[in-house]
Amino acid sequence: MNTKKKLKIVNSNKFGLSGRTILGVDNKNNHYIIKNIKSRIIMETGKKINEIANKIRSKTKGSVFLATTAPVCSKTKQYLEEKKTNIISDYIVS
């Protein structure tokens, strides 16, 4: 049985990010970039996500993930995984 990750919203400003960027954190101090969009995530967006992930990594020790329910282009998925940003789609924001 696959359980959903429970994420708590954190302030993205403390990482030097835009206030429009939605970040979540789990109980193991892993950070999640939350993208709730309907359209496919393509490489252009993937590169922006990687920049955000690098800013988060510079200020924290936990892993960084992309939390999205949107479909992700296969090349973008491979790119993000090579950059150590895994993708999850099974999560709850509280």
Protein backbone atom coordinates (compact mmCIF):
# COMPACT_ATOMS: atom_id res chain seq x y z
CA MET A 1 0.00 0.00 0.00
CA ASN A 2 1.40 3.35 -1.08
CA THR A 3 0.91 6.10 1.51
CA LYS A 4 0.71 9.75 0.60
CA LYS A 5 3.45 12.12 1.75
CA LYS A 6 2.16 14.75 4.17
CA LEU A 7 3.66 18.13 3.35
CA LYS A 8 3.59 21.32 5.38
CA ILE A 9 3.85 24.64 3.50
CA VAL A 10 6.95 26.72 4.31
CA ASN A 11 7.88 30.30 3.46
CA SER A 12 9.84 30.37 0.20
CA ASN A 13 11.29 33.82 0.99
CA LYS A 14 13.74 32.34 3.51
CA PHE A 15 15.41 30.53 0.58
CA GLY A 16 15.64 33.70 -1.51
CA LEU A 17 12.78 32.58 -3.78
CA SER A 18 9.74 34.36 -5.10
CA GLY A 19 6.67 34.43 -2.88
CA ARG A 20 4.77 32.73 -5.70
CA THR A 21 6.94 29.61 -5.37
CA ILE A 22 5.15 27.03 -3.24
CA LEU A 23 7.41 24.93 -1.04
CA GLY A 24 6.54 22.07 1.26
CA VAL A 25 8.54 20.13 3.83
CA ASP A 26 7.99 16.67 5.31
CA ASN A 27 8.86 15.33 8.75
CA LYS A 28 12.33 14.20 7.53
CA ASN A 29 13.30 17.77 6.50
CA ASN A 30 13.05 16.99 2.78
CA HIS A 31 11.85 19.94 0.71
CA TYR A 32 9.30 19.77 -2.08
CA ILE A 33 8.72 22.23 -4.92
CA ILE A 34 4.96 22.04 -5.41
CA LYS A 35 3.64 22.58 -8.94
CA ASN A 36 -0.15 22.24 -9.18
CA ILE A 37 -0.67 22.87 -12.87
CA LYS A 38 -2.72 21.09 -15.52
CA SER A 39 -0.34 21.41 -18.45
CA ARG A 40 2.66 19.16 -19.08
CA ILE A 41 5.96 20.11 -17.44
CA ILE A 42 8.49 20.57 -20.24
CA MET A 43 12.26 21.11 -20.28
CA GLU A 44 12.02 24.92 -19.99
CA THR A 45 10.10 24.54 -16.72
CA GLY A 46 12.43 21.72 -15.65
CA LYS A 47 15.44 24.02 -15.87
CA LYS A 48 13.66 26.62 -13.71
CA ILE A 49 12.79 23.90 -11.19
CA ASN A 50 16.46 22.86 -11.11
CA GLU A 51 17.50 26.47 -10.34
CA ILE A 52 15.00 26.58 -7.47
CA ALA A 53 16.24 23.21 -6.19
CA ASN A 54 19.85 24.45 -6.21
CA LYS A 55 18.88 27.50 -4.12
CA ILE A 56 17.14 25.23 -1.61
CA ARG A 57 20.10 22.83 -1.45
CA SER A 58 22.47 25.70 -0.68
CA LYS A 59 20.51 26.50 2.50
CA THR A 60 19.44 23.08 3.76
CA LYS A 61 20.76 19.54 4.18
CA GLY A 62 17.64 17.57 3.17
CA SER A 63 16.79 16.26 -0.28
CA VAL A 64 14.73 18.24 -2.79
CA PHE A 65 11.78 16.78 -4.70
CA LEU A 66 9.25 18.00 -7.25
CA ALA A 67 5.67 17.37 -6.09
CA THR A 68 3.23 17.57 -8.97
CA THR A 69 0.12 15.97 -10.36
CA ALA A 70 0.89 17.25 -13.86
CA PRO A 71 2.41 14.98 -16.48
CA VAL A 72 6.17 15.42 -16.89
CA CYS A 73 7.94 15.13 -20.24
CA SER A 74 10.20 12.05 -20.27
CA LYS A 75 13.33 14.06 -21.15
CA THR A 76 12.54 16.55 -18.38
CA LYS A 77 12.01 13.73 -15.89
CA GLN A 78 15.38 12.23 -16.82
CA TYR A 79 17.05 15.66 -16.58
CA LEU A 80 15.65 16.33 -13.10
CA GLU A 81 16.59 12.88 -11.84
CA GLU A 82 20.17 13.38 -13.10
CA LYS A 83 20.22 16.64 -11.13
CA LYS A 84 19.11 14.76 -7.97
CA THR A 85 15.53 16.10 -7.99
CA ASN A 86 13.09 13.18 -7.89
CA ILE A 87 9.40 13.54 -8.72
CA ILE A 88 6.45 12.49 -6.58
CA SER A 89 2.75 12.70 -7.38
CA ASP A 90 1.24 11.15 -4.25
CA TYR A 91 1.11 13.89 -1.61
CA ILE A 92 -1.19 15.86 0.70
CA VAL A 93 -0.61 19.50 1.60
CA SER A 94 -1.65 20.57 5.09
